[in-house]
Amino acid sequence: MNRKEEMYAHIRDCATSGESQKSYCRARGISQANFYYWKKRYRQEHGGGDDFVTITSAAKGFHNGHDIEILFPDGSRLTCGYDIPRDLLRTLTGR
């Protein structure tokens, strides 16, 4: 497996791991700057992809009806239910 394939595999694994990118990189000895570089290349090559990943309530230990909270780098937060429509979530997050 070449470096590109290796990093693309990490990007896909991180997206479904439930870990933050920072935690994922630290646990695997990957520089965050390097990870973000390859993530940008991956998105360019794959048409940007979807910024959202599916979170199943059973996998995360939550039950339907509980709220999820999204924390943004600027300190703002968005709290909503699991049943929020994807289009509304995109509008609220600007993605």
Protein backbone atom coordinates (compact mmCIF):
# COMPACT_ATOMS: atom_id res chain seq x y z
CA MET A 1 0.00 0.00 0.00
CA ASN A 2 1.47 3.36 -0.98
CA ARG A 3 1.35 6.47 1.21
CA LYS A 4 -1.72 7.89 -0.53
CA GLU A 5 -3.72 4.68 -0.08
CA GLU A 6 -2.57 4.43 3.54
CA MET A 7 -3.65 7.97 4.38
CA TYR A 8 -6.96 7.67 2.51
CA ALA A 9 -7.67 4.54 4.56
CA HIS A 10 -6.95 6.53 7.74
CA ILE A 11 -9.30 9.29 6.60
CA ARG A 12 -12.13 6.82 6.03
CA ASP A 13 -11.40 4.98 9.29
CA CYS A 14 -11.33 8.21 11.27
CA ALA A 15 -14.68 9.30 9.84
CA THR A 16 -16.34 6.14 11.16
CA SER A 17 -14.31 5.63 14.33
CA GLY A 18 -16.28 7.97 16.58
CA GLU A 19 -13.00 9.57 17.66
CA SER A 20 -12.05 13.18 17.14
CA GLN A 21 -9.46 13.72 14.43
CA LYS A 22 -7.01 14.90 17.07
CA SER A 23 -7.50 11.77 19.16
CA TYR A 24 -7.38 9.49 16.11
CA CYS A 25 -4.09 11.01 14.94
CA ARG A 26 -2.50 10.96 18.40
CA ALA A 27 -3.39 7.30 18.96
CA ARG A 28 -1.84 6.30 15.64
CA GLY A 29 1.20 8.56 15.65
CA ILE A 30 0.00 10.65 12.71
CA SER A 31 0.80 14.35 12.58
CA GLN A 32 -2.42 16.38 12.49
CA ALA A 33 -0.98 18.65 9.81
CA ASN A 34 -0.19 15.62 7.68
CA PHE A 35 -3.67 14.19 8.28
CA TYR A 36 -5.34 17.46 7.25
CA TYR A 37 -3.15 17.66 4.14
CA TRP A 38 -4.26 14.21 3.02
CA LYS A 39 -7.85 14.87 4.01
CA LYS A 40 -7.87 17.94 1.76
CA ARG A 41 -6.44 15.90 -1.12
CA TYR A 42 -8.99 13.15 -0.49
CA ARG A 43 -11.87 15.64 -0.61
CA GLN A 44 -10.55 17.23 -3.82
CA GLU A 45 -10.18 13.85 -5.46
CA HIS A 46 -13.54 12.54 -4.29
CA GLY A 47 -15.62 15.62 -5.03
CA GLY A 48 -15.64 17.00 -1.52
CA GLY A 49 -17.63 14.14 -0.09
CA ASP A 50 -20.15 14.48 2.69
CA ASP A 51 -19.06 16.23 5.87
CA PHE A 52 -21.64 14.31 7.86
CA VAL A 53 -21.31 10.76 9.04
CA THR A 54 -24.14 8.56 10.23
CA ILE A 55 -24.20 8.06 13.97
CA THR A 56 -26.25 5.11 15.10
CA SER A 57 -27.70 5.48 18.56
CA ALA A 58 -26.88 1.90 19.59
CA ALA A 59 -23.23 2.24 18.59
CA LYS A 60 -22.80 5.40 20.65
CA GLY A 61 -24.69 4.22 23.73
CA PHE A 62 -27.56 6.68 23.31
CA HIS A 63 -31.23 6.02 22.95
CA ASN A 64 -33.48 7.61 20.37
CA GLY A 65 -34.90 10.90 21.55
CA HIS A 66 -31.75 12.14 23.27
CA ASP A 67 -30.10 15.28 22.02
CA ILE A 68 -26.76 15.50 20.29
CA GLU A 69 -24.50 18.47 20.67
CA ILE A 70 -22.15 19.81 18.01
CA LEU A 71 -19.28 21.96 19.30
CA PHE A 72 -17.67 24.31 16.81
CA PRO A 73 -14.07 25.58 16.89
CA ASP A 74 -15.27 29.11 17.70
CA GLY A 75 -16.91 27.85 20.91
CA SER A 76 -20.50 27.94 19.68
CA ARG A 77 -22.63 24.86 20.04
CA LEU A 78 -25.69 23.40 18.38
CA THR A 79 -27.97 21.02 20.26
CA CYS A 80 -30.54 19.01 18.33
CA GLY A 81 -32.24 15.63 18.24
CA TYR A 82 -31.02 12.61 16.30
CA ASP A 83 -33.98 12.91 14.00
CA ILE A 84 -32.99 16.31 12.59
CA PRO A 85 -33.31 16.31 8.79
CA ARG A 86 -29.96 16.38 7.01
CA ASP A 87 -30.89 19.45 4.95
CA LEU A 88 -31.79 21.42 8.07
CA LEU A 89 -28.54 20.37 9.73
CA ARG A 90 -26.61 21.57 6.66
CA THR A 91 -28.41 24.92 6.83
CA LEU A 92 -27.73 25.33 10.55
CA THR A 93 -24.06 24.42 10.29
CA GLY A 94 -23.39 26.21 7.01
CA ARG A 95 -22.07 23.04 5.36
